[in-house]
Every structure is written in C-alpha cells, then in structure tokens.
C-alpha cells in the first residue's frame, strides 16, 4: 500500500503548465480539504460529463528517482494550495526504465521519446502527435524518421527539474503577468492568501483587492482591520514575505510600472517595503 508521498521530492516531465488558471482554481479546492481520490474524480466526471481522470501517476526508475508521469496540474495545485504531500489514495506508482522513455512505442501510443533525466516534453504536442499518426498510417518508417528529426517540436532540455521549482516559476510568472494586466487577485491566492482573507481585505475600509494595494498598506493599518484574526494576519505576513523573496520581481516591477510621484510608495527593493518581515513565533 502507498504511503504519503512528499511533493517536493518529485521530479517533473513538463516544466511549463498549459492551464495556469485551472491550477489556481484547483488550489482553492485543496485549501478546502479536497483530496484527489477516485471517488472525487468520478464525481467530477459525472457532474461535467467528461471521462474519469486517472489517479496521479508516479514513475519510479531503477535509481530510485520518482517523477510525475501524469497529473502535473493536480500535484502543482496541491503544492500551491498548502499541502506538501499526496495521500496514499491519490496516486499510483509505476515502474519504468529510462530506456523505455527513449523508445518509440506505437502500440502504446508513445511517440515522443526523450530522456527524463535531462529533458522535458513541451506543454502541448498534440499537433505533432496527430501528424505522427497520420504518417504512421501511411508508412511506419517515415513516421519514425519524422519523430527522430523533429524532437524540438515535443521535447527540450529542462529548465526546472522538480515540482518545487515549477511552483516557484508559476508564482513568478503569474505575479509578473498580473502586474502587466493590472489584475492581482489571483496572485494573492498563489502566494497563499485564502479566499476568505481576500474577501475580508476587499470589504475593509481600504477595499484591498490587489497585491499592489496590499503591499502599500502599513502593518498598523492592517492590524486595524477588525475582521482579520491571527490566522488571516499570518497568511498575509507569509504571503508578503514570499513576495519579497522573489528577487526577479524587482526588475520586472520596475519595467512594468510607470513612474510614480514621491508621495506614492512603490515596491522595488528594500527601501519601499512598508510591511515588515514575519515576526518570530513567540513575538
């Protein structure tokens, strides 16, 4: 029987995600206590009249390395949603060798051979796969040659090798993209602020509905939001601490935002921080 599986130990076979917005929505479900069990997956399929998704599939290799084979969105949503593990009934473990991933297997539908130790598949290779099977129906040898000569269409060297790195990449991209479009509510969620806390911030006297507005409030101002309890306050503190740690955002922030007047605080490095780092637990 499977035990709990720590997410930060898992390798990945994709280092980009196709449906980022779905990851955010799914992370809310995780925060609400959801586990990706077979019953949950069947209920979802019944509601939306879709095929039943398989349990998260983990590939185990002879050297002991374990990688997510199927279920990257669910694993990422779980990690971002604040749960650091998969429960025993959310996943299955399958045994593979690296050589199996480097072989073409038309019978199994595997036409994207790559080395998962050093490479990942691109987020969407649907068109490539369809083209391969059109060629295969006409001439299998031609299909094999096409696969061998067009690897760049379905795989590339990896830039991130584990789930924790993928989650960090998603956070950074989402926040930078949010700054560009001026919609940062989802970005507060990615940093760990719960739906209820976001609602309380929006209903406060300052009507805080974006990450930028949150950054511009002082500690004293936030402490005077009566509806915020210690739990919500800790969420905000942790979220802003993580925001400060994203060094890449300092440059992105300067590039994306117009110049401000001296009276308007701008977050672009240490001098502009108005909210303090989290206190120690006994503070």
C-alpha atoms as a PDB file:
ATOM      1  CA  UNK A   1       0.000   0.000   0.000  1.00  0.00           C
ATOM      2  CA  UNK A   2       1.199   3.500  -0.809  1.00  0.00           C
ATOM      3  CA  UNK A   3       2.130   5.884   1.967  1.00  0.00           C
ATOM      4  CA  UNK A   4       2.134   9.676   1.986  1.00  0.00           C
ATOM      5  CA  UNK A   5       4.373  10.987  -0.776  1.00  0.00           C
ATOM      6  CA  UNK A   6       6.190  14.291  -0.277  1.00  0.00           C
ATOM      7  CA  UNK A   7       5.661  16.536  -3.286  1.00  0.00           C
ATOM      8  CA  UNK A   8       8.969  18.366  -3.068  1.00  0.00           C
ATOM      9  CA  UNK A   9      10.804  15.077  -3.701  1.00  0.00           C
ATOM     10  CA  UNK A  10       9.170  14.553  -7.107  1.00  0.00           C
ATOM     11  CA  UNK A  11      10.740  15.223 -10.479  1.00  0.00           C
ATOM     12  CA  UNK A  12       8.692  16.560 -13.394  1.00  0.00           C
ATOM     13  CA  UNK A  13       8.304  15.668 -17.055  1.00  0.00           C
ATOM     14  CA  UNK A  14       6.856  19.067 -18.002  1.00  0.00           C
ATOM     15  CA  UNK A  15       8.361  22.343 -16.757  1.00  0.00           C
ATOM     16  CA  UNK A  16       5.600  24.538 -18.182  1.00  0.00           C
ATOM     17  CA  UNK A  17       1.855  24.292 -17.460  1.00  0.00           C
ATOM     18  CA  UNK A  18      -0.803  24.677 -20.162  1.00  0.00           C
ATOM     19  CA  UNK A  19      -3.737  25.743 -17.957  1.00  0.00           C
ATOM     20  CA  UNK A  20      -2.376  28.050 -15.261  1.00  0.00           C
ATOM     21  CA  UNK A  21      -5.793  29.429 -14.308  1.00  0.00           C
ATOM     22  CA  UNK A  22      -7.010  25.912 -13.587  1.00  0.00           C
ATOM     23  CA  UNK A  23      -4.141  25.372 -11.160  1.00  0.00           C
ATOM     24  CA  UNK A  24      -5.256  28.408  -9.135  1.00  0.00           C
ATOM     25  CA  UNK A  25      -8.877  27.238  -9.075  1.00  0.00           C
ATOM     26  CA  UNK A  26      -7.824  23.713  -8.108  1.00  0.00           C
ATOM     27  CA  UNK A  27      -5.621  25.055  -5.305  1.00  0.00           C
ATOM     28  CA  UNK A  28      -8.736  26.573  -3.704  1.00  0.00           C
ATOM     29  CA  UNK A  29     -10.250  23.087  -3.566  1.00  0.00           C
ATOM     30  CA  UNK A  30      -7.123  21.766  -1.862  1.00  0.00           C
ATOM     31  CA  UNK A  31      -7.282  24.560   0.710  1.00  0.00           C
ATOM     32  CA  UNK A  32     -10.868  23.489   1.362  1.00  0.00           C
ATOM     33  CA  UNK A  33      -9.691  19.980   2.245  1.00  0.00           C
ATOM     34  CA  UNK A  34     -10.097  18.153  -1.073  1.00  0.00           C
ATOM     35  CA  UNK A  35      -8.055  15.055  -1.920  1.00  0.00           C
ATOM     36  CA  UNK A  36      -7.773  13.767  -5.486  1.00  0.00           C
ATOM     37  CA  UNK A  37      -9.264  10.344  -4.775  1.00  0.00           C
ATOM     38  CA  UNK A  38     -11.004   8.086  -7.269  1.00  0.00           C
ATOM     39  CA  UNK A  39     -14.407   8.997  -5.776  1.00  0.00           C
ATOM     40  CA  UNK A  40     -13.721  12.709  -6.211  1.00  0.00           C
ATOM     41  CA  UNK A  41     -12.551  12.207  -9.796  1.00  0.00           C
ATOM     42  CA  UNK A  42     -15.634  10.103 -10.631  1.00  0.00           C
ATOM     43  CA  UNK A  43     -17.971  12.703  -9.100  1.00  0.00           C
ATOM     44  CA  UNK A  44     -16.320  15.451 -11.160  1.00  0.00           C
ATOM     45  CA  UNK A  45     -16.699  13.389 -14.339  1.00  0.00           C
ATOM     46  CA  UNK A  46     -20.372  12.733 -13.597  1.00  0.00           C
ATOM     47  CA  UNK A  47     -21.049  16.419 -12.979  1.00  0.00           C
ATOM     48  CA  UNK A  48     -19.361  17.653 -16.143  1.00  0.00           C
ATOM     49  CA  UNK A  49     -19.995  14.578 -18.344  1.00  0.00           C
ATOM     50  CA  UNK A  50     -16.313  14.016 -19.032  1.00  0.00           C
ATOM     51  CA  UNK A  51     -14.108  10.901 -18.945  1.00  0.00           C
ATOM     52  CA  UNK A  52     -12.939   9.928 -15.462  1.00  0.00           C
ATOM     53  CA  UNK A  53      -9.364  11.141 -14.931  1.00  0.00           C
ATOM     54  CA  UNK A  54      -6.849   8.578 -13.792  1.00  0.00           C
ATOM     55  CA  UNK A  55      -5.170   8.798 -10.403  1.00  0.00           C
ATOM     56  CA  UNK A  56      -1.928  10.768 -10.377  1.00  0.00           C
ATOM     57  CA  UNK A  57       0.718   8.508 -11.916  1.00  0.00           C
ATOM     58  CA  UNK A  58       4.244   8.488 -10.483  1.00  0.00           C
ATOM     59  CA  UNK A  59       7.059   6.877 -12.482  1.00  0.00           C
ATOM     60  CA  UNK A  60       9.715   5.137 -10.378  1.00  0.00           C
ATOM     61  CA  UNK A  61      13.098   4.459 -12.018  1.00  0.00           C
ATOM     62  CA  UNK A  62      15.789   1.924 -11.117  1.00  0.00           C
ATOM     63  CA  UNK A  63      17.987   4.566  -9.467  1.00  0.00           C
ATOM     64  CA  UNK A  64      15.138   5.385  -7.037  1.00  0.00           C
ATOM     65  CA  UNK A  65      14.157   8.646  -8.692  1.00  0.00           C
ATOM     66  CA  UNK A  66      10.409   9.331  -8.788  1.00  0.00           C
ATOM     67  CA  UNK A  67       8.782  11.643 -11.331  1.00  0.00           C
ATOM     68  CA  UNK A  68       5.255  12.790 -12.070  1.00  0.00           C
ATOM     69  CA  UNK A  69       4.164  10.982 -15.225  1.00  0.00           C
ATOM     70  CA  UNK A  70       0.525  12.094 -15.267  1.00  0.00           C
ATOM     71  CA  UNK A  71      -1.148  14.682 -13.023  1.00  0.00           C
ATOM     72  CA  UNK A  72       1.166  17.700 -13.063  1.00  0.00           C
ATOM     73  CA  UNK A  73      -1.767  20.129 -12.655  1.00  0.00           C
ATOM     74  CA  UNK A  74      -3.123  18.310  -9.601  1.00  0.00           C
ATOM     75  CA  UNK A  75       0.294  17.978  -7.973  1.00  0.00           C
ATOM     76  CA  UNK A  76       1.081  21.643  -8.578  1.00  0.00           C
ATOM     77  CA  UNK A  77      -2.329  22.769  -7.265  1.00  0.00           C
ATOM     78  CA  UNK A  78      -1.824  20.629  -4.161  1.00  0.00           C
ATOM     79  CA  UNK A  79       1.617  22.112  -3.500  1.00  0.00           C
ATOM     80  CA  UNK A  80       0.479  25.702  -4.080  1.00  0.00           C
ATOM     81  CA  UNK A  81      -2.662  25.008  -2.053  1.00  0.00           C
ATOM     82  CA  UNK A  82      -0.529  24.439   1.017  1.00  0.00           C
ATOM     83  CA  UNK A  83      -0.492  20.635   1.234  1.00  0.00           C
ATOM     84  CA  UNK A  84       3.025  19.235   0.946  1.00  0.00           C
ATOM     85  CA  UNK A  85       2.140  15.608   0.234  1.00  0.00           C
ATOM     86  CA  UNK A  86      -0.047  13.229  -1.752  1.00  0.00           C
ATOM     87  CA  UNK A  87      -2.180  10.873   0.306  1.00  0.00           C
ATOM     88  CA  UNK A  88      -1.976   7.129  -0.362  1.00  0.00           C
ATOM     89  CA  UNK A  89      -5.275   7.047  -2.294  1.00  0.00           C
ATOM     90  CA  UNK A  90      -4.433   9.905  -4.675  1.00  0.00           C
ATOM     91  CA  UNK A  91      -1.680   8.270  -6.710  1.00  0.00           C
ATOM     92  CA  UNK A  92      -0.275   5.087  -8.163  1.00  0.00           C
ATOM     93  CA  UNK A  93       3.388   4.165  -8.681  1.00  0.00           C
ATOM     94  CA  UNK A  94       4.525   2.656 -11.986  1.00  0.00           C
ATOM     95  CA  UNK A  95       7.931   1.129 -12.669  1.00  0.00           C
ATOM     96  CA  UNK A  96       9.885   2.352 -15.699  1.00  0.00           C
ATOM     97  CA  UNK A  97      13.425   2.428 -17.010  1.00  0.00           C
ATOM     98  CA  UNK A  98      14.979   5.434 -18.715  1.00  0.00           C
ATOM     99  CA  UNK A  99      15.435   3.311 -21.832  1.00  0.00           C
ATOM    100  CA  UNK A 100      11.655   2.797 -22.030  1.00  0.00           C
ATOM    101  CA  UNK A 101      11.183   6.563 -22.280  1.00  0.00           C
ATOM    102  CA  UNK A 102      13.707   6.783 -25.084  1.00  0.00           C
ATOM    103  CA  UNK A 103      11.917   4.200 -27.239  1.00  0.00           C
ATOM    104  CA  UNK A 104       9.085   4.788 -29.714  1.00  0.00           C
ATOM    105  CA  UNK A 105       6.104   2.551 -28.997  1.00  0.00           C
ATOM    106  CA  UNK A 106       3.272   2.979 -31.488  1.00  0.00           C
ATOM    107  CA  UNK A 107       1.172   0.247 -29.866  1.00  0.00           C
ATOM    108  CA  UNK A 108       1.162   2.123 -26.559  1.00  0.00           C
ATOM    109  CA  UNK A 109       0.723   5.474 -28.293  1.00  0.00           C
ATOM    110  CA  UNK A 110       4.116   6.729 -27.076  1.00  0.00           C
ATOM    111  CA  UNK A 111       5.662   8.707 -29.938  1.00  0.00           C
ATOM    112  CA  UNK A 112       7.618  11.368 -28.034  1.00  0.00           C
ATOM    113  CA  UNK A 113      10.831   9.638 -26.841  1.00  0.00           C
ATOM    114  CA  UNK A 114      13.034  11.710 -24.541  1.00  0.00           C
ATOM    115  CA  UNK A 115      15.422  11.363 -21.589  1.00  0.00           C
ATOM    116  CA  UNK A 116      13.522  12.435 -18.427  1.00  0.00           C
ATOM    117  CA  UNK A 117      16.801  12.916 -16.562  1.00  0.00           C
ATOM    118  CA  UNK A 118      17.778  15.891 -18.713  1.00  0.00           C
ATOM    119  CA  UNK A 119      14.760  16.734 -20.865  1.00  0.00           C
ATOM    120  CA  UNK A 120      11.065  17.602 -20.589  1.00  0.00           C
ATOM    121  CA  UNK A 121       8.188  17.497 -23.025  1.00  0.00           C
ATOM    122  CA  UNK A 122       6.729  20.790 -24.205  1.00  0.00           C
ATOM    123  CA  UNK A 123       3.322  21.764 -22.732  1.00  0.00           C
ATOM    124  CA  UNK A 124       1.334  20.949 -25.873  1.00  0.00           C
ATOM    125  CA  UNK A 125       2.494  18.481 -28.522  1.00  0.00           C
ATOM    126  CA  UNK A 126      -0.982  17.489 -29.753  1.00  0.00           C
ATOM    127  CA  UNK A 127      -0.439  18.667 -33.336  1.00  0.00           C
ATOM    128  CA  UNK A 128       2.883  16.855 -33.541  1.00  0.00           C
ATOM    129  CA  UNK A 129       1.352  13.614 -32.260  1.00  0.00           C
ATOM    130  CA  UNK A 130      -1.508  13.806 -34.758  1.00  0.00           C
ATOM    131  CA  UNK A 131       0.933  14.344 -37.595  1.00  0.00           C
ATOM    132  CA  UNK A 132       2.980  11.339 -36.489  1.00  0.00           C
ATOM    133  CA  UNK A 133      -0.020   9.013 -36.577  1.00  0.00           C
ATOM    134  CA  UNK A 134      -1.090  10.283 -39.989  1.00  0.00           C
ATOM    135  CA  UNK A 135       2.361   9.367 -41.259  1.00  0.00           C
ATOM    136  CA  UNK A 136       2.297   6.032 -39.405  1.00  0.00           C
ATOM    137  CA  UNK A 137      -0.938   5.034 -41.130  1.00  0.00           C
ATOM    138  CA  UNK A 138       0.797   5.533 -44.470  1.00  0.00           C
ATOM    139  CA  UNK A 139       4.358   4.430 -43.705  1.00  0.00           C
ATOM    140  CA  UNK A 140       5.682   3.491 -40.223  1.00  0.00           C
ATOM    141  CA  UNK A 141       9.321   4.021 -41.232  1.00  0.00           C
ATOM    142  CA  UNK A 142       8.508   7.527 -42.422  1.00  0.00           C
ATOM    143  CA  UNK A 143       6.810   8.236 -39.084  1.00  0.00           C
ATOM    144  CA  UNK A 144       9.889   7.048 -37.160  1.00  0.00           C
ATOM    145  CA  UNK A 145      12.183   9.253 -39.238  1.00  0.00           C
ATOM    146  CA  UNK A 146       9.850  12.202 -38.707  1.00  0.00           C
ATOM    147  CA  UNK A 147       9.968  11.721 -34.927  1.00  0.00           C
ATOM    148  CA  UNK A 148      13.756  11.425 -34.859  1.00  0.00           C
ATOM    149  CA  UNK A 149      14.256  14.591 -36.931  1.00  0.00           C
ATOM    150  CA  UNK A 150      11.712  16.775 -35.120  1.00  0.00           C
ATOM    151  CA  UNK A 151      12.462  16.315 -31.437  1.00  0.00           C
ATOM    152  CA  UNK A 152      12.401  20.061 -30.836  1.00  0.00           C
ATOM    153  CA  UNK A 153       8.661  20.030 -31.532  1.00  0.00           C
ATOM    154  CA  UNK A 154       7.895  17.880 -28.497  1.00  0.00           C
ATOM    155  CA  UNK A 155      10.892  17.981 -26.119  1.00  0.00           C
ATOM    156  CA  UNK A 156      13.739  20.220 -24.979  1.00  0.00           C
ATOM    157  CA  UNK A 157      16.373  20.416 -22.201  1.00  0.00           C
ATOM    158  CA  UNK A 158      14.701  21.053 -18.870  1.00  0.00           C
ATOM    159  CA  UNK A 159      14.985  24.424 -17.132  1.00  0.00           C
ATOM    160  CA  UNK A 160      13.334  23.190 -13.936  1.00  0.00           C
ATOM    161  CA  UNK A 161      13.710  19.662 -12.622  1.00  0.00           C
ATOM    162  CA  UNK A 162      11.314  19.294  -9.676  1.00  0.00           C
ATOM    163  CA  UNK A 163       7.849  20.332  -8.549  1.00  0.00           C
ATOM    164  CA  UNK A 164       9.036  22.968  -6.076  1.00  0.00           C
ATOM    165  CA  UNK A 165      10.934  24.764  -8.849  1.00  0.00           C
ATOM    166  CA  UNK A 166       7.896  24.540 -11.139  1.00  0.00           C
ATOM    167  CA  UNK A 167       5.661  26.041  -8.426  1.00  0.00           C
ATOM    168  CA  UNK A 168       8.093  28.911  -7.911  1.00  0.00           C
ATOM    169  CA  UNK A 169       8.200  29.548 -11.657  1.00  0.00           C
ATOM    170  CA  UNK A 170       4.396  29.617 -11.807  1.00  0.00           C
ATOM    171  CA  UNK A 171       4.195  32.097  -8.921  1.00  0.00           C
ATOM    172  CA  UNK A 172       6.695  34.441 -10.510  1.00  0.00           C
ATOM    173  CA  UNK A 173       5.062  34.302 -13.944  1.00  0.00           C
ATOM    174  CA  UNK A 174       1.583  34.811 -12.528  1.00  0.00           C
ATOM    175  CA  UNK A 175       2.607  37.840 -10.487  1.00  0.00           C
ATOM    176  CA  UNK A 176       4.531  39.482 -13.329  1.00  0.00           C
ATOM    177  CA  UNK A 177       1.659  38.824 -15.744  1.00  0.00           C
ATOM    178  CA  UNK A 178      -0.783  40.141 -13.168  1.00  0.00           C
ATOM    179  CA  UNK A 179       1.182  43.375 -12.857  1.00  0.00           C
ATOM    180  CA  UNK A 180       1.100  43.798 -16.614  1.00  0.00           C
ATOM    181  CA  UNK A 181      -2.666  43.387 -16.845  1.00  0.00           C
ATOM    182  CA  UNK A 182      -3.474  45.135 -13.553  1.00  0.00           C
ATOM    183  CA  UNK A 183      -5.353  42.165 -12.046  1.00  0.00           C
ATOM    184  CA  UNK A 184      -3.596  40.795  -8.999  1.00  0.00           C
ATOM    185  CA  UNK A 185      -6.289  38.998  -7.003  1.00  0.00           C
ATOM    186  CA  UNK A 186      -5.274  35.603  -8.342  1.00  0.00           C
ATOM    187  CA  UNK A 187      -1.698  36.424  -7.470  1.00  0.00           C
ATOM    188  CA  UNK A 188      -2.576  36.866  -3.803  1.00  0.00           C
ATOM    189  CA  UNK A 189      -4.030  33.370  -3.981  1.00  0.00           C
ATOM    190  CA  UNK A 190      -0.837  31.981  -5.497  1.00  0.00           C
ATOM    191  CA  UNK A 191       1.116  33.465  -2.602  1.00  0.00           C
ATOM    192  CA  UNK A 192      -1.085  31.625  -0.114  1.00  0.00           C
ATOM    193  CA  UNK A 193      -3.804  34.127   0.848  1.00  0.00           C
ATOM    194  CA  UNK A 194      -7.087  32.243   1.303  1.00  0.00           C
ATOM    195  CA  UNK A 195     -10.370  33.108  -0.366  1.00  0.00           C
ATOM    196  CA  UNK A 196     -11.852  34.247   2.963  1.00  0.00           C
ATOM    197  CA  UNK A 197      -8.923  36.554   3.735  1.00  0.00           C
ATOM    198  CA  UNK A 198      -9.112  38.082   0.243  1.00  0.00           C
ATOM    199  CA  UNK A 199     -12.820  38.689   0.875  1.00  0.00           C
ATOM    200  CA  UNK A 200     -12.100  40.376   4.234  1.00  0.00           C
ATOM    201  CA  UNK A 201      -9.446  42.590   2.652  1.00  0.00           C
ATOM    202  CA  UNK A 202     -11.863  43.614  -0.094  1.00  0.00           C
ATOM    203  CA  UNK A 203     -14.524  44.534   2.495  1.00  0.00           C
ATOM    204  CA  UNK A 204     -12.125  46.603   4.608  1.00  0.00           C
ATOM    205  CA  UNK A 205     -12.149  50.409   4.661  1.00  0.00           C
ATOM    206  CA  UNK A 206      -9.242  50.392   2.163  1.00  0.00           C
ATOM    207  CA  UNK A 207     -11.012  47.996  -0.236  1.00  0.00           C
ATOM    208  CA  UNK A 208      -7.835  45.968  -0.846  1.00  0.00           C
ATOM    209  CA  UNK A 209      -8.442  43.868  -3.955  1.00  0.00           C
ATOM    210  CA  UNK A 210      -4.942  43.517  -5.377  1.00  0.00           C
ATOM    211  CA  UNK A 211      -1.476  42.517  -4.300  1.00  0.00           C
ATOM    212  CA  UNK A 212      -0.175  46.006  -5.048  1.00  0.00           C
ATOM    213  CA  UNK A 213      -2.780  47.579  -2.740  1.00  0.00           C
ATOM    214  CA  UNK A 214      -1.824  45.082  -0.049  1.00  0.00           C
ATOM    215  CA  UNK A 215       1.877  45.945  -0.357  1.00  0.00           C
ATOM    216  CA  UNK A 216       1.061  49.660   0.015  1.00  0.00           C
ATOM    217  CA  UNK A 217      -0.651  49.230   3.398  1.00  0.00           C
ATOM    218  CA  UNK A 218       1.371  49.510   6.602  1.00  0.00           C
ATOM    219  CA  UNK A 219       1.409  46.910   9.374  1.00  0.00           C
ATOM    220  CA  UNK A 220      -0.551  49.268  11.634  1.00  0.00           C
ATOM    221  CA  UNK A 221      -3.252  49.786   9.015  1.00  0.00           C
ATOM    222  CA  UNK A 222      -3.706  46.061   8.521  1.00  0.00           C
ATOM    223  CA  UNK A 223      -3.833  45.446  12.261  1.00  0.00           C
ATOM    224  CA  UNK A 224      -6.777  47.870  12.429  1.00  0.00           C
ATOM    225  CA  UNK A 225      -8.894  45.697  10.133  1.00  0.00           C
ATOM    226  CA  UNK A 226     -11.026  44.229  12.895  1.00  0.00           C
ATOM    227  CA  UNK A 227     -12.261  41.307  10.807  1.00  0.00           C
ATOM    228  CA  UNK A 228      -8.727  39.933  10.409  1.00  0.00           C
ATOM    229  CA  UNK A 229      -7.862  37.386  13.063  1.00  0.00           C
ATOM    230  CA  UNK A 230      -4.434  35.928  13.827  1.00  0.00           C
ATOM    231  CA  UNK A 231      -4.861  33.208  11.183  1.00  0.00           C
ATOM    232  CA  UNK A 232      -5.621  35.717   8.422  1.00  0.00           C
ATOM    233  CA  UNK A 233      -2.860  38.025   9.589  1.00  0.00           C
ATOM    234  CA  UNK A 234      -0.335  35.167   9.464  1.00  0.00           C
ATOM    235  CA  UNK A 235      -1.491  34.326   5.924  1.00  0.00           C
ATOM    236  CA  UNK A 236      -0.859  37.896   4.815  1.00  0.00           C
ATOM    237  CA  UNK A 237       2.514  38.040   6.548  1.00  0.00           C
ATOM    238  CA  UNK A 238       3.693  34.811   4.951  1.00  0.00           C
ATOM    239  CA  UNK A 239       2.424  35.870   1.533  1.00  0.00           C
ATOM    240  CA  UNK A 240       4.233  39.200   1.620  1.00  0.00           C
ATOM    241  CA  UNK A 241       7.383  37.581   2.930  1.00  0.00           C
ATOM    242  CA  UNK A 242       7.348  35.242  -0.032  1.00  0.00           C
ATOM    243  CA  UNK A 243       6.696  38.185  -2.345  1.00  0.00           C
ATOM    244  CA  UNK A 244       9.793  39.946  -1.014  1.00  0.00           C
ATOM    245  CA  UNK A 245      11.876  36.830  -1.614  1.00  0.00           C
ATOM    246  CA  UNK A 246      11.097  36.786  -5.338  1.00  0.00           C
ATOM    247  CA  UNK A 247      14.165  38.755  -6.363  1.00  0.00           C
ATOM    248  CA  UNK A 248      13.311  38.518 -10.041  1.00  0.00           C
ATOM    249  CA  UNK A 249      10.212  40.596  -9.489  1.00  0.00           C
ATOM    250  CA  UNK A 250      12.199  43.690  -8.511  1.00  0.00           C
ATOM    251  CA  UNK A 251      13.428  44.194 -12.052  1.00  0.00           C
ATOM    252  CA  UNK A 252      10.096  43.152 -13.535  1.00  0.00           C
ATOM    253  CA  UNK A 253       8.289  45.585 -11.278  1.00  0.00           C
ATOM    254  CA  UNK A 254      10.487  48.496 -12.386  1.00  0.00           C
ATOM    255  CA  UNK A 255       9.942  47.643 -16.053  1.00  0.00           C
ATOM    256  CA  UNK A 256       6.189  47.138 -15.863  1.00  0.00           C
ATOM    257  CA  UNK A 257       5.108  50.057 -13.690  1.00  0.00           C
ATOM    258  CA  UNK A 258       5.056  53.712 -14.746  1.00  0.00           C
ATOM    259  CA  UNK A 259       6.966  56.255 -12.694  1.00  0.00           C
ATOM    260  CA  UNK A 260       5.150  57.328  -9.528  1.00  0.00           C
ATOM    261  CA  UNK A 261       5.109  60.585  -7.660  1.00  0.00           C
ATOM    262  CA  UNK A 262       7.181  60.800  -4.494  1.00  0.00           C
ATOM    263  CA  UNK A 263       4.029  60.549  -2.346  1.00  0.00           C
ATOM    264  CA  UNK A 264       3.010  57.169  -3.782  1.00  0.00           C
ATOM    265  CA  UNK A 265       5.081  54.269  -2.390  1.00  0.00           C
ATOM    266  CA  UNK A 266       6.448  51.831  -4.950  1.00  0.00           C
ATOM    267  CA  UNK A 267       7.745  48.378  -4.175  1.00  0.00           C
ATOM    268  CA  UNK A 268      11.082  47.945  -5.912  1.00  0.00           C
ATOM    269  CA  UNK A 269      13.592  46.643  -3.398  1.00  0.00           C
ATOM    270  CA  UNK A 270      14.202  47.017   0.301  1.00  0.00           C
ATOM    271  CA  UNK A 271      13.620  50.787   0.761  1.00  0.00           C
ATOM    272  CA  UNK A 272       9.990  50.545  -0.414  1.00  0.00           C
ATOM    273  CA  UNK A 273       8.970  47.761   1.954  1.00  0.00           C
ATOM    274  CA  UNK A 274       6.200  49.069   4.171  1.00  0.00           C
ATOM    275  CA  UNK A 275       5.135  45.753   5.650  1.00  0.00           C
ATOM    276  CA  UNK A 276       7.696  44.067   7.914  1.00  0.00           C
ATOM    277  CA  UNK A 277       9.074  40.594   7.639  1.00  0.00           C
ATOM    278  CA  UNK A 278       7.207  37.996   9.725  1.00  0.00           C
ATOM    279  CA  UNK A 279       7.959  38.060  13.430  1.00  0.00           C
ATOM    280  CA  UNK A 280       9.246  35.018  15.261  1.00  0.00           C
ATOM    281  CA  UNK A 281       6.521  32.714  16.574  1.00  0.00           C
ATOM    282  CA  UNK A 282       6.948  33.911  20.158  1.00  0.00           C
ATOM    283  CA  UNK A 283       6.609  37.569  19.157  1.00  0.00           C
END
